[in-house]
Amino acid sequence: MTIGTKVDAATTAAGAKADEASNAAKAEVHKSIAKDSDASLGTRARAAGDYIADKWNENTAAGKKEMAKEELKH
């Protein structure tokens, strides 16, 4: 593995870690809104959908991070 490839993998891992954390934080906000009984049904439904999308993105970023970390090992 060349140094350039290692730098690329490290950059990918760092970016994916940031994306994972960002999506996790957004998911928690959307989860809170979806559970808020004072919010309208439409707002709660939209927040629930956003929560699902955020969790999907969080898991995708986690997978990218792990792949990049594995690439750094070789």
C-alpha atoms as a PDB file:
ATOM      1  CA  MET A   1       0.000   0.000   0.000  1.00  0.00           C
ATOM      2  CA  THR A   2       1.404   3.357  -0.979  1.00  0.00           C
ATOM      3  CA  ILE A   3       1.509   6.344   1.316  1.00  0.00           C
ATOM      4  CA  GLY A   4      -1.062   8.101  -0.854  1.00  0.00           C
ATOM      5  CA  THR A   5      -3.440   5.171  -0.489  1.00  0.00           C
ATOM      6  CA  LYS A   6      -2.956   5.185   3.284  1.00  0.00           C
ATOM      7  CA  VAL A   7      -3.648   8.912   3.416  1.00  0.00           C
ATOM      8  CA  ASP A   8      -6.805   8.401   1.370  1.00  0.00           C
ATOM      9  CA  ALA A   9      -7.970   5.610   3.677  1.00  0.00           C
ATOM     10  CA  ALA A  10      -7.233   7.673   6.785  1.00  0.00           C
ATOM     11  CA  THR A  11      -9.099  10.653   5.338  1.00  0.00           C
ATOM     12  CA  THR A  12     -12.049   8.445   4.449  1.00  0.00           C
ATOM     13  CA  ALA A  13     -12.098   6.940   7.944  1.00  0.00           C
ATOM     14  CA  ALA A  14     -11.992  10.366   9.601  1.00  0.00           C
ATOM     15  CA  GLY A  15     -14.732  11.754   7.370  1.00  0.00           C
ATOM     16  CA  ALA A  16     -16.919   8.711   7.907  1.00  0.00           C
ATOM     17  CA  LYS A  17     -16.441   8.955  11.671  1.00  0.00           C
ATOM     18  CA  ALA A  18     -17.591  12.590  11.575  1.00  0.00           C
ATOM     19  CA  ASP A  19     -20.579  11.651   9.399  1.00  0.00           C
ATOM     20  CA  GLU A  20     -21.468   8.826  11.764  1.00  0.00           C
ATOM     21  CA  ALA A  21     -21.429  11.140  14.790  1.00  0.00           C
ATOM     22  CA  SER A  22     -23.386  13.864  12.994  1.00  0.00           C
ATOM     23  CA  ASN A  23     -26.093  11.471  11.863  1.00  0.00           C
ATOM     24  CA  ALA A  24     -26.317   9.917  15.336  1.00  0.00           C
ATOM     25  CA  ALA A  25     -26.891  13.361  16.858  1.00  0.00           C
ATOM     26  CA  LYS A  26     -29.538  14.266  14.262  1.00  0.00           C
ATOM     27  CA  ALA A  27     -31.259  10.917  14.805  1.00  0.00           C
ATOM     28  CA  GLU A  28     -31.591  11.614  18.527  1.00  0.00           C
ATOM     29  CA  VAL A  29     -33.144  15.027  17.853  1.00  0.00           C
ATOM     30  CA  HIS A  30     -35.616  13.536  15.390  1.00  0.00           C
ATOM     31  CA  LYS A  31     -36.433  10.732  17.822  1.00  0.00           C
ATOM     32  CA  SER A  32     -37.242  13.292  20.514  1.00  0.00           C
ATOM     33  CA  ILE A  33     -39.505  15.216  18.156  1.00  0.00           C
ATOM     34  CA  ALA A  34     -41.261  12.022  17.057  1.00  0.00           C
ATOM     35  CA  LYS A  35     -42.001  11.194  20.706  1.00  0.00           C
ATOM     36  CA  ASP A  36     -43.200  14.720  21.577  1.00  0.00           C
ATOM     37  CA  SER A  37     -46.932  14.473  22.227  1.00  0.00           C
ATOM     38  CA  ASP A  38     -47.240  18.266  21.941  1.00  0.00           C
ATOM     39  CA  ALA A  39     -46.066  18.207  18.316  1.00  0.00           C
ATOM     40  CA  SER A  40     -48.564  17.802  15.492  1.00  0.00           C
ATOM     41  CA  LEU A  41     -49.050  14.390  13.920  1.00  0.00           C
ATOM     42  CA  GLY A  42     -47.462  15.588  10.668  1.00  0.00           C
ATOM     43  CA  THR A  43     -44.402  16.914  12.478  1.00  0.00           C
ATOM     44  CA  ARG A  44     -44.044  13.681  14.434  1.00  0.00           C
ATOM     45  CA  ALA A  45     -44.422  11.547  11.301  1.00  0.00           C
ATOM     46  CA  ARG A  46     -41.861  13.634   9.414  1.00  0.00           C
ATOM     47  CA  ALA A  47     -39.450  13.389  12.366  1.00  0.00           C
ATOM     48  CA  ALA A  48     -39.911   9.612  12.477  1.00  0.00           C
ATOM     49  CA  GLY A  49     -39.044   9.372   8.780  1.00  0.00           C
ATOM     50  CA  ASP A  50     -36.025  11.621   9.283  1.00  0.00           C
ATOM     51  CA  TYR A  51     -34.938   9.449  12.218  1.00  0.00           C
ATOM     52  CA  ILE A  52     -34.974   6.363  10.007  1.00  0.00           C
ATOM     53  CA  ALA A  53     -32.962   8.133   7.309  1.00  0.00           C
ATOM     54  CA  ASP A  54     -30.451   9.418   9.863  1.00  0.00           C
ATOM     55  CA  LYS A  55     -29.962   5.940  11.346  1.00  0.00           C
ATOM     56  CA  TRP A  56     -29.473   4.523   7.841  1.00  0.00           C
ATOM     57  CA  ASN A  57     -26.856   7.189   7.102  1.00  0.00           C
ATOM     58  CA  GLU A  58     -25.193   6.611  10.483  1.00  0.00           C
ATOM     59  CA  ASN A  59     -24.867   2.891   9.794  1.00  0.00           C
ATOM     60  CA  THR A  60     -23.607   3.512   6.255  1.00  0.00           C
ATOM     61  CA  ALA A  61     -20.926   5.857   7.584  1.00  0.00           C
ATOM     62  CA  ALA A  62     -19.956   3.311  10.246  1.00  0.00           C
ATOM     63  CA  GLY A  63     -19.485   0.708   7.518  1.00  0.00           C
ATOM     64  CA  LYS A  64     -17.339   3.055   5.437  1.00  0.00           C
ATOM     65  CA  LYS A  65     -15.251   3.864   8.505  1.00  0.00           C
ATOM     66  CA  GLU A  66     -14.665   0.185   9.258  1.00  0.00           C
ATOM     67  CA  MET A  67     -13.741  -0.564   5.642  1.00  0.00           C
ATOM     68  CA  ALA A  68     -11.223   2.282   5.627  1.00  0.00           C
ATOM     69  CA  LYS A  69      -9.752   1.099   8.934  1.00  0.00           C
ATOM     70  CA  GLU A  70      -9.347  -2.396   7.515  1.00  0.00           C
ATOM     71  CA  GLU A  71      -7.655  -0.954   4.433  1.00  0.00           C
ATOM     72  CA  LEU A  72      -5.144   0.813   6.696  1.00  0.00           C
ATOM     73  CA  LYS A  73      -4.156  -2.528   8.250  1.00  0.00           C
ATOM     74  CA  HIS A  74      -2.845  -3.884   4.937  1.00  0.00           C
END
